[in-house]
Amino acid sequence: MINAEGLLLLISATLFLSYISGIIYSRTKIPDLVWVLLFGILLGPILGVFDAELFLNVFDLMILVTVALFAFNTGISFNIQHILGNTTRAFNMALGTFLVITASVGFTLNFLLPESFNLVTGFLLGAMISGIDGISISSLLGSLGRESKGFGESGLFLQLESTLADPIKVVGVSTIIKMILLTGAGPRTAARDILFTLIVSTLIGVGTGLFWGEIITRLRDRPLNYMMTIAALFPIYVISEALSDGGGGPISVFLFGAVLMNYGYVTKSLRMNRRSRIDRRQIKEYHDEITFLIKSMFFVYMGLVMEFEIRYLAISFILTALLIVIRYLVATIIGYTQGISKEQIAYTRIFFILGPSSLVLTQYVAEYDPNGLIFPDTQLYGSIVLPIVLFSIIFASIIGPMVARKQSTPKPEPDVNKEESTETQELSEKESEKKKNGKKKKEA
């Protein structure tokens, strides 16, 4: 039975904790998402104040609402010109990271746990953890507050990459499972599916953004326009997921928000010349309030439903360290190859953070093989991935900002004039000593 009073107190405590931890971030250097995550773990797995089964029943709903709202939040934060200029780079970064991590994790698991993973099933788990999570990276940047403004283009690039990484991971995981189930899937099928997902989700996102922008422009003086925008948001996500065969929802919602906030520029580019009367500031302010609520509740929710198996913690820790190293190398190589600035590379290679998208993908195994004929232990993937998500959040939230900030700070160039003056002073001191020694010799 649901304890309504207990849930209300949980919501209040979570919001207060998130708000206060944001205020004291300058002293603790620990973002609020870490505090609320640990708060959930304390009340759930450790103390058992709340039953995890109660929250697991609404897992799908929490994921849908959170992913849709955060993808929309990413979209309304973007200048459309930035998207056009960085889409190829972000896609290359997401795809390169996916391929290298999937292969590396597959070989590592086959070596460490050969009784549980062959190469293909190892590749499957690697694909689940092979891309940045949009909810986690958006929450992290929001938690860092003022300091995130210093990230500038780097933060926007990471958010764009996370949006493109979702369909790549979904298609990758689905393709590997189909290969294991002998359904004829392969790399060519995966490439075709990814392209199909991108095209369908883009058309839906841009089309609905233009349509809704026209409606909001006509209804500009009506109250509750923002709430009607949220009401339109969820059908767009659901329809895109259905038509794109999974993975297209975040992209459509992201583009829906981006087109809506850049309505005048987009219509002008399409030679429609429609005048924008959208109150972008009001939409952003309202959505920030909603995002704060959803972010706080979602990460405490993640803590409440976490279940660890001690025997896999060491494996999860090793894989997390492997992910950090691989991402650092891949982002460095791709970044310099594509001509990305040093500052942007510094942030991109450090802020590799996982989240709910990886947890959702672990459920695909049970969906494709409900009777456990091919995958005898369907819970094994979740048992390993769950601690990896937690470790990556802690690393990216606490250690990541310090390392990235240090690497992005330009080293002070040596002062040539100062060096010359020092050398001149040393020479003059040597000459004066010689003169003194010469006088002493003459006197002697």
Protein backbone atom coordinates (compact mmCIF):
# COMPACT_ATOMS: atom_id res chain seq x y z
CA MET A 1 0.00 0.00 0.00
CA ILE A 2 1.26 3.48 -0.88
CA ASN A 3 2.17 5.68 2.09
CA ALA A 4 0.98 9.05 0.74
CA GLU A 5 2.34 11.06 3.67
CA GLY A 6 5.73 9.40 3.36
CA LEU A 7 5.92 10.13 -0.36
CA LEU A 8 5.02 13.78 0.19
CA LEU A 9 7.75 14.10 2.83
CA LEU A 10 10.19 12.40 0.43
CA ILE A 11 9.39 14.92 -2.31
CA SER A 12 9.81 17.87 0.06
CA ALA A 13 13.08 16.56 1.50
CA THR A 14 14.45 15.89 -2.00
CA LEU A 15 13.68 19.40 -3.23
CA PHE A 16 15.16 21.03 -0.13
CA LEU A 17 18.29 18.86 -0.38
CA SER A 18 18.74 19.63 -4.08
CA TYR A 19 18.25 23.37 -3.53
CA ILE A 20 20.58 23.61 -0.53
CA SER A 21 23.31 21.48 -2.12
CA GLY A 22 23.21 23.82 -5.13
CA ILE A 23 23.78 26.79 -2.84
CA ILE A 24 26.75 25.23 -1.02
CA TYR A 25 28.33 23.81 -4.19
CA SER A 26 31.10 26.42 -4.07
CA ARG A 27 32.28 24.85 -0.81
CA THR A 28 31.58 21.16 -1.32
CA LYS A 29 32.25 20.95 -5.10
CA ILE A 30 29.66 18.15 -5.13
CA PRO A 31 26.67 18.77 -7.46
CA ASP A 32 23.15 18.23 -6.15
CA LEU A 33 22.50 15.20 -8.33
CA VAL A 34 25.11 13.25 -6.33
CA TRP A 35 23.48 14.23 -3.01
CA VAL A 36 19.96 13.24 -4.08
CA LEU A 37 21.27 9.99 -5.60
CA LEU A 38 23.00 9.05 -2.34
CA PHE A 39 19.88 10.17 -0.45
CA GLY A 40 17.82 7.68 -2.44
CA ILE A 41 20.35 4.88 -1.86
CA LEU A 42 20.26 5.62 1.88
CA LEU A 43 16.45 5.46 2.10
CA GLY A 44 16.14 2.51 -0.27
CA PRO A 45 18.79 -0.24 -0.36
CA ILE A 46 20.53 0.71 2.92
CA LEU A 47 17.77 1.59 5.41
CA GLY A 48 14.81 0.09 3.56
CA VAL A 49 12.49 3.00 4.39
CA PHE A 50 10.81 2.66 0.98
CA ASP A 51 10.11 -0.55 -0.91
CA ALA A 52 11.82 -0.62 -4.31
CA GLU A 53 8.93 -2.60 -5.83
CA LEU A 54 6.64 0.38 -5.40
CA PHE A 55 8.89 2.54 -7.59
CA LEU A 56 9.81 -0.16 -10.09
CA ASN A 57 6.17 -0.33 -11.15
CA VAL A 58 6.42 3.21 -12.57
CA PHE A 59 9.89 2.77 -14.10
CA ASP A 60 8.75 3.13 -17.72
CA LEU A 61 6.68 6.22 -16.91
CA MET A 62 9.55 7.91 -15.07
CA ILE A 63 11.93 7.23 -17.94
CA LEU A 64 9.52 8.56 -20.60
CA VAL A 65 8.68 11.77 -18.71
CA THR A 66 12.29 12.49 -17.73
CA VAL A 67 13.85 11.77 -21.13
CA ALA A 68 11.20 13.82 -22.97
CA LEU A 69 11.51 16.85 -20.67
CA PHE A 70 15.31 16.83 -20.65
CA ALA A 71 15.57 16.42 -24.42
CA PHE A 72 13.18 19.36 -24.81
CA ASN A 73 15.24 21.35 -22.29
CA THR A 74 18.35 20.70 -24.37
CA GLY A 75 16.56 21.85 -27.51
CA ILE A 76 15.30 25.16 -26.11
CA SER A 77 18.83 25.95 -24.90
CA PHE A 78 20.31 25.74 -28.40
CA ASN A 79 20.90 28.28 -31.10
CA ILE A 80 19.93 26.52 -34.33
CA GLN A 81 23.13 27.73 -36.03
CA HIS A 82 25.18 25.95 -33.40
CA ILE A 83 23.34 22.70 -34.15
CA LEU A 84 23.99 23.00 -37.89
CA GLY A 85 27.67 23.70 -37.33
CA ASN A 86 28.33 20.87 -34.86
CA THR A 87 26.01 18.01 -35.81
CA THR A 88 28.60 16.15 -37.89
CA ARG A 89 31.29 16.53 -35.25
CA ALA A 90 28.96 15.40 -32.46
CA PHE A 91 27.77 12.40 -34.50
CA ASN A 92 31.35 11.35 -35.27
CA MET A 93 32.23 11.64 -31.58
CA ALA A 94 29.20 9.57 -30.55
CA LEU A 95 29.77 6.90 -33.20
CA GLY A 96 33.52 6.65 -32.58
CA THR A 97 32.98 6.31 -28.83
CA PHE A 98 30.28 3.68 -29.39
CA LEU A 99 32.47 1.50 -31.62
CA VAL A 100 35.62 1.59 -29.49
CA ILE A 101 33.84 1.09 -26.15
CA THR A 102 31.67 -1.73 -27.49
CA ALA A 103 34.71 -3.62 -28.79
CA SER A 104 36.92 -2.95 -25.75
CA VAL A 105 34.30 -3.93 -23.18
CA GLY A 106 33.49 -7.08 -25.16
CA PHE A 107 37.09 -8.31 -25.14
CA THR A 108 37.55 -7.32 -21.48
CA LEU A 109 34.44 -9.19 -20.28
CA ASN A 110 35.35 -12.25 -22.33
CA PHE A 111 38.74 -12.24 -20.58
CA LEU A 112 37.51 -11.50 -17.02
CA LEU A 113 34.25 -13.53 -17.04
CA PRO A 114 34.60 -16.15 -19.80
CA GLU A 115 31.96 -18.38 -18.18
CA SER A 116 29.33 -15.62 -18.44
CA PHE A 117 30.35 -13.65 -21.55
CA ASN A 118 31.58 -14.65 -24.97
CA LEU A 119 32.71 -11.93 -27.37
CA VAL A 120 29.25 -11.19 -28.77
CA THR A 121 27.46 -10.99 -25.41
CA GLY A 122 30.37 -8.86 -24.16
CA PHE A 123 29.84 -6.53 -27.12
CA LEU A 124 26.17 -6.35 -26.13
CA LEU A 125 26.94 -5.04 -22.64
CA GLY A 126 29.54 -2.68 -24.11
CA ALA A 127 26.91 -1.20 -26.43
CA MET A 128 24.67 -0.52 -23.44
CA ILE A 129 27.27 1.75 -21.82
CA SER A 130 28.82 3.25 -24.93
CA GLY A 131 27.36 6.78 -25.01
CA ILE A 132 26.74 9.88 -22.93
CA ASP A 133 23.34 10.03 -21.27
CA GLY A 134 21.31 13.15 -22.02
CA ILE A 135 19.56 13.34 -18.65
CA SER A 136 22.77 12.97 -16.66
CA ILE A 137 24.84 15.47 -18.67
CA SER A 138 22.04 18.07 -18.66
CA SER A 139 21.55 17.58 -14.93
CA LEU A 140 25.27 17.86 -14.29
CA LEU A 141 25.63 21.09 -16.25
CA GLY A 142 22.60 22.50 -14.46
CA SER A 143 23.96 21.42 -11.08
CA LEU A 144 27.27 23.15 -11.67
CA GLY A 145 25.35 26.41 -11.96
CA ARG A 146 27.51 29.40 -12.69
CA GLU A 147 30.59 27.30 -13.34
CA SER A 148 28.84 25.54 -16.23
CA LYS A 149 28.73 28.88 -18.06
CA GLY A 150 32.48 28.66 -18.34
CA PHE A 151 32.06 25.46 -20.34
CA GLY A 152 30.37 27.48 -23.08
CA GLU A 153 30.42 25.61 -26.38
CA SER A 154 31.72 22.47 -24.65
CA GLY A 155 28.53 21.97 -22.66
CA LEU A 156 26.31 22.47 -25.70
CA PHE A 157 28.46 20.08 -27.72
CA LEU A 158 28.14 17.38 -25.03
CA GLN A 159 24.37 17.81 -24.92
CA LEU A 160 24.13 17.53 -28.71
CA GLU A 161 26.33 14.42 -28.67
CA SER A 162 24.16 12.80 -25.98
CA THR A 163 21.04 13.37 -28.12
CA LEU A 164 22.67 11.64 -31.09
CA ALA A 165 24.17 8.86 -28.94
CA ASP A 166 20.77 7.54 -27.83
CA PRO A 167 19.60 6.16 -31.22
CA ILE A 168 23.08 4.76 -31.91
CA LYS A 169 23.00 2.80 -28.63
CA VAL A 170 19.42 1.62 -29.11
CA VAL A 171 20.02 0.40 -32.66
CA GLY A 172 23.37 -1.12 -31.68
CA VAL A 173 21.93 -3.10 -28.77
CA SER A 174 18.93 -4.27 -30.82
CA THR A 175 21.18 -5.34 -33.72
CA ILE A 176 23.54 -7.35 -31.50
CA ILE A 177 20.61 -9.11 -29.79
CA LYS A 178 19.12 -9.97 -33.19
CA MET A 179 22.50 -11.32 -34.30
CA ILE A 180 22.61 -13.54 -31.21
CA LEU A 181 19.04 -14.70 -31.91
CA LEU A 182 20.07 -15.50 -35.51
CA THR A 183 17.66 -13.10 -37.21
CA GLY A 184 20.09 -12.03 -39.92
CA ALA A 185 21.02 -8.62 -38.51
CA GLY A 186 24.47 -7.20 -39.17
CA PRO A 187 26.50 -3.99 -39.53
CA ARG A 188 24.76 -3.06 -42.79
CA THR A 189 21.36 -3.47 -41.13
CA ALA A 190 22.50 -1.40 -38.17
CA ALA A 191 23.74 1.43 -40.40
CA ARG A 192 20.48 1.43 -42.32
CA ASP A 193 18.44 1.46 -39.10
CA ILE A 194 20.45 4.34 -37.65
CA LEU A 195 19.98 6.38 -40.84
CA PHE A 196 16.26 5.58 -40.87
CA THR A 197 15.89 6.62 -37.22
CA LEU A 198 17.72 9.91 -37.78
CA ILE A 199 15.68 10.83 -40.87
CA VAL A 200 12.27 9.96 -39.39
CA SER A 201 12.96 11.63 -36.03
CA THR A 202 14.33 14.75 -37.73
CA LEU A 203 11.28 15.12 -39.98
CA ILE A 204 8.92 14.68 -37.03
CA GLY A 205 10.85 17.09 -34.80
CA VAL A 206 11.20 19.87 -37.37
CA GLY A 207 7.65 19.45 -38.70
CA THR A 208 5.99 19.55 -35.29
CA GLY A 209 8.22 22.44 -34.21
CA LEU A 210 7.08 24.54 -37.17
CA PHE A 211 3.44 23.58 -36.63
CA TRP A 212 3.46 24.34 -32.91
CA GLY A 213 5.44 27.55 -33.42
CA GLU A 214 2.64 28.82 -35.66
CA ILE A 215 0.03 27.87 -33.06
CA ILE A 216 1.87 29.56 -30.20
CA THR A 217 2.40 32.67 -32.35
CA ARG A 218 -1.35 32.89 -32.98
CA LEU A 219 -2.20 32.22 -29.32
CA ARG A 220 0.50 34.49 -27.91
CA ASP A 221 -1.90 36.38 -25.61
CA ARG A 222 -3.49 33.29 -24.13
CA PRO A 223 -2.46 32.02 -20.67
CA LEU A 224 -1.04 28.51 -20.07
CA ASN A 225 0.63 28.30 -23.49
CA TYR A 226 3.64 26.65 -21.88
CA MET A 227 1.51 23.91 -20.30
CA MET A 228 -0.05 23.24 -23.69
CA THR A 229 3.48 22.92 -25.11
CA ILE A 230 4.23 20.23 -22.52
CA ALA A 231 0.95 18.53 -23.45
CA ALA A 232 2.11 18.44 -27.09
CA LEU A 233 5.57 17.22 -26.09
CA PHE A 234 4.70 13.69 -24.96
CA PRO A 235 2.67 12.64 -28.04
CA ILE A 236 5.57 13.79 -30.22
CA TYR A 237 7.95 11.60 -28.23
CA VAL A 238 5.65 8.55 -28.32
CA ILE A 239 4.87 8.86 -32.03
CA SER A 240 8.53 9.31 -32.93
CA GLU A 241 9.54 6.26 -30.89
CA ALA A 242 6.90 4.19 -32.67
CA LEU A 243 7.63 5.37 -36.23
CA SER A 244 11.43 5.32 -35.90
CA ASP A 245 11.41 1.81 -34.40
CA GLY A 246 12.95 3.03 -31.14
CA GLY A 247 15.55 5.69 -30.34
CA GLY A 248 14.03 8.58 -32.27
CA GLY A 249 11.99 10.12 -29.47
CA PRO A 250 14.78 12.19 -27.87
CA ILE A 251 15.90 13.58 -31.24
CA SER A 252 12.37 14.62 -32.25
CA VAL A 253 11.69 16.32 -28.92
CA PHE A 254 15.11 17.99 -29.02
CA LEU A 255 14.46 19.40 -32.51
CA PHE A 256 10.92 20.34 -31.53
CA GLY A 257 12.33 22.58 -28.78
CA ALA A 258 15.14 23.94 -30.95
CA VAL A 259 12.80 24.89 -33.83
CA LEU A 260 10.29 26.41 -31.42
CA MET A 261 12.91 28.65 -29.80
CA ASN A 262 14.44 29.59 -33.18
CA TYR A 263 11.13 29.84 -35.04
CA GLY A 264 11.90 33.13 -36.79
CA TYR A 265 15.32 31.99 -38.05
CA VAL A 266 14.03 28.59 -39.25
CA THR A 267 11.04 30.01 -41.13
CA LYS A 268 13.25 32.65 -42.72
CA SER A 269 15.71 29.96 -43.85
CA LEU A 270 12.81 28.01 -45.37
CA ARG A 271 11.57 31.22 -47.07
CA MET A 272 8.33 31.09 -45.14
CA ASN A 273 9.01 34.50 -43.53
CA ARG A 274 6.77 33.96 -40.55
CA ARG A 275 7.08 36.44 -37.72
CA SER A 276 7.92 34.92 -34.34
CA ARG A 277 5.81 36.05 -31.40
CA ILE A 278 6.98 33.37 -28.98
CA ASP A 279 7.99 34.47 -25.50
CA ARG A 280 11.18 32.45 -25.34
CA ARG A 281 12.26 33.85 -21.98
CA GLN A 282 9.01 32.80 -20.34
CA ILE A 283 9.19 29.29 -21.80
CA LYS A 284 12.77 28.88 -20.59
CA GLU A 285 11.96 30.12 -17.08
CA TYR A 286 8.93 27.87 -16.69
CA HIS A 287 10.77 24.86 -18.04
CA ASP A 288 13.75 25.41 -15.71
CA GLU A 289 11.37 25.10 -12.75
CA ILE A 290 9.87 21.88 -14.10
CA THR A 291 13.30 20.48 -14.94
CA PHE A 292 14.57 21.14 -11.41
CA LEU A 293 11.65 19.15 -9.97
CA ILE A 294 12.00 16.24 -12.39
CA LYS A 295 15.79 16.10 -12.06
CA SER A 296 15.67 16.00 -8.26
CA MET A 297 12.97 13.35 -8.12
CA PHE A 298 14.48 11.18 -10.84
CA PHE A 299 17.92 10.82 -9.27
CA VAL A 300 16.51 10.07 -5.82
CA TYR A 301 14.29 7.55 -7.62
CA MET A 302 17.36 5.93 -9.18
CA GLY A 303 18.90 5.60 -5.74
CA LEU A 304 15.74 4.02 -4.31
CA VAL A 305 15.57 1.24 -6.95
CA MET A 306 19.28 0.38 -7.00
CA GLU A 307 20.14 -3.19 -6.11
CA PHE A 308 23.79 -4.24 -5.98
CA GLU A 309 25.42 -7.62 -6.19
CA ILE A 310 28.71 -7.41 -4.34
CA ARG A 311 30.40 -10.03 -6.52
CA TYR A 312 30.11 -7.79 -9.59
CA LEU A 313 31.25 -4.51 -8.01
CA ALA A 314 34.92 -5.12 -8.84
CA ILE A 315 34.04 -5.87 -12.48
CA SER A 316 31.91 -2.73 -12.66
CA PHE A 317 34.69 -0.63 -11.22
CA ILE A 318 37.22 -2.01 -13.72
CA LEU A 319 34.86 -1.34 -16.62
CA THR A 320 34.21 2.22 -15.38
CA ALA A 321 37.96 2.91 -15.33
CA LEU A 322 38.22 1.40 -18.82
CA LEU A 323 35.42 3.69 -20.07
CA ILE A 324 37.15 6.77 -18.69
CA VAL A 325 40.47 5.88 -20.35
CA ILE A 326 38.86 4.97 -23.69
CA ARG A 327 36.76 8.12 -23.79
CA TYR A 328 39.81 10.24 -23.00
CA LEU A 329 41.78 8.72 -25.90
CA VAL A 330 38.90 8.65 -28.42
CA ALA A 331 37.78 12.20 -27.70
CA THR A 332 41.36 13.45 -27.95
CA ILE A 333 42.01 11.76 -31.31
CA ILE A 334 38.64 12.65 -32.87
CA GLY A 335 38.75 16.16 -31.40
CA TYR A 336 42.12 17.03 -32.89
CA THR A 337 41.23 15.31 -36.18
CA GLN A 338 38.07 17.44 -36.51
CA GLY A 339 39.80 20.64 -35.48
CA ILE A 340 37.94 21.09 -32.18
CA SER A 341 39.44 23.67 -29.84
CA LYS A 342 41.71 22.51 -27.00
CA GLU A 343 39.32 23.81 -24.35
CA GLN A 344 36.40 21.91 -25.86
CA ILE A 345 38.46 18.73 -26.11
CA ALA A 346 39.43 19.07 -22.44
CA TYR A 347 35.79 18.98 -21.36
CA THR A 348 34.60 16.47 -23.95
CA ARG A 349 37.09 13.77 -23.01
CA ILE A 350 36.41 14.02 -19.26
CA PHE A 351 32.62 14.42 -19.00
CA PHE A 352 31.60 10.90 -19.99
CA ILE A 353 28.57 10.23 -17.80
CA LEU A 354 26.02 7.43 -18.01
CA GLY A 355 22.45 7.35 -16.78
CA PRO A 356 18.97 5.91 -17.24
CA SER A 357 19.33 5.17 -20.96
CA SER A 358 21.90 2.47 -20.14
CA LEU A 359 19.60 1.02 -17.46
CA VAL A 360 16.71 0.88 -19.92
CA LEU A 361 18.84 -0.95 -22.48
CA THR A 362 19.60 -3.70 -19.95
CA GLN A 363 15.87 -4.53 -20.05
CA TYR A 364 16.04 -5.25 -23.79
CA VAL A 365 17.54 -8.68 -23.11
CA ALA A 366 14.44 -9.83 -21.21
CA GLU A 367 12.13 -8.27 -23.82
CA TYR A 368 13.73 -10.13 -26.74
CA ASP A 369 14.22 -13.37 -24.79
CA PRO A 370 11.47 -13.49 -22.11
CA ASN A 371 11.86 -17.24 -21.52
CA GLY A 372 15.62 -17.06 -21.02
CA LEU A 373 16.40 -19.55 -23.80
CA ILE A 374 19.40 -17.65 -25.19
CA PHE A 375 20.22 -15.46 -22.17
CA PRO A 376 19.87 -17.67 -19.05
CA ASP A 377 20.70 -14.81 -16.65
CA THR A 378 18.87 -11.74 -17.94
CA GLN A 379 19.56 -9.86 -14.68
CA LEU A 380 23.33 -10.13 -15.14
CA TYR A 381 23.49 -7.08 -17.43
CA GLY A 382 21.65 -4.87 -14.97
CA SER A 383 23.77 -6.08 -12.06
CA ILE A 384 26.95 -4.94 -13.83
CA VAL A 385 25.64 -1.80 -15.55
CA LEU A 386 23.94 -0.30 -12.48
CA PRO A 387 27.16 0.28 -10.47
CA ILE A 388 28.89 1.55 -13.62
CA VAL A 389 26.21 4.23 -13.96
CA LEU A 390 26.69 5.21 -10.32
CA PHE A 391 30.50 5.29 -10.58
CA SER A 392 30.38 7.37 -13.77
CA ILE A 393 28.03 9.91 -12.17
CA ILE A 394 30.30 10.31 -9.15
CA PHE A 395 33.43 10.63 -11.31
CA ALA A 396 31.95 13.10 -13.79
CA SER A 397 30.32 15.16 -11.03
CA ILE A 398 33.18 15.43 -8.55
CA ILE A 399 36.48 14.67 -10.29
CA GLY A 400 35.53 15.64 -13.84
CA PRO A 401 35.08 19.40 -13.31
CA MET A 402 38.41 19.73 -11.49
CA VAL A 403 40.38 17.80 -14.12
CA ALA A 404 38.70 19.51 -17.09
CA ARG A 405 39.12 22.96 -15.56
CA LYS A 406 42.80 22.34 -14.92
CA GLN A 407 43.45 21.02 -18.44
CA SER A 408 41.51 23.81 -20.14
CA THR A 409 43.34 26.58 -18.28
CA PRO A 410 46.08 27.93 -20.58
CA LYS A 411 49.59 27.69 -19.21
CA PRO A 412 51.24 31.06 -18.59
CA GLU A 413 53.77 31.92 -21.26
CA PRO A 414 57.27 32.77 -20.08
CA ASP A 415 57.97 36.50 -19.85
CA VAL A 416 60.80 37.10 -22.32
CA ASN A 417 61.53 40.61 -21.06
CA LYS A 418 61.72 39.34 -17.51
CA GLU A 419 64.15 36.60 -18.51
CA GLU A 420 66.31 39.11 -20.39
CA SER A 421 66.35 41.49 -17.44
CA THR A 422 67.32 38.62 -15.14
CA GLU A 423 70.17 37.61 -17.43
CA THR A 424 71.34 41.23 -17.67
CA GLN A 425 71.26 41.56 -13.91
CA GLU A 426 73.29 38.37 -13.50
CA LEU A 427 75.90 39.61 -15.99
CA SER A 428 76.19 42.97 -14.25
CA GLU A 429 76.63 41.23 -10.91
CA LYS A 430 79.39 39.05 -12.36
CA GLU A 431 81.16 42.10 -13.83
CA SER A 432 80.99 43.96 -10.52
CA GLU A 433 82.47 40.94 -8.74
CA LYS A 434 85.31 40.84 -11.27
CA LYS A 435 86.05 44.54 -10.69
CA LYS A 436 86.08 44.04 -6.93
CA ASN A 437 88.46 41.09 -7.27
CA GLY A 438 90.71 43.15 -9.59
CA LYS A 439 90.91 46.01 -7.04
CA LYS A 440 91.76 43.57 -4.29
CA LYS A 441 94.61 42.13 -6.38
CA LYS A 442 96.04 45.62 -7.12
CA GLU A 443 95.92 46.59 -3.44
CA ALA A 444 97.70 43.37 -2.53
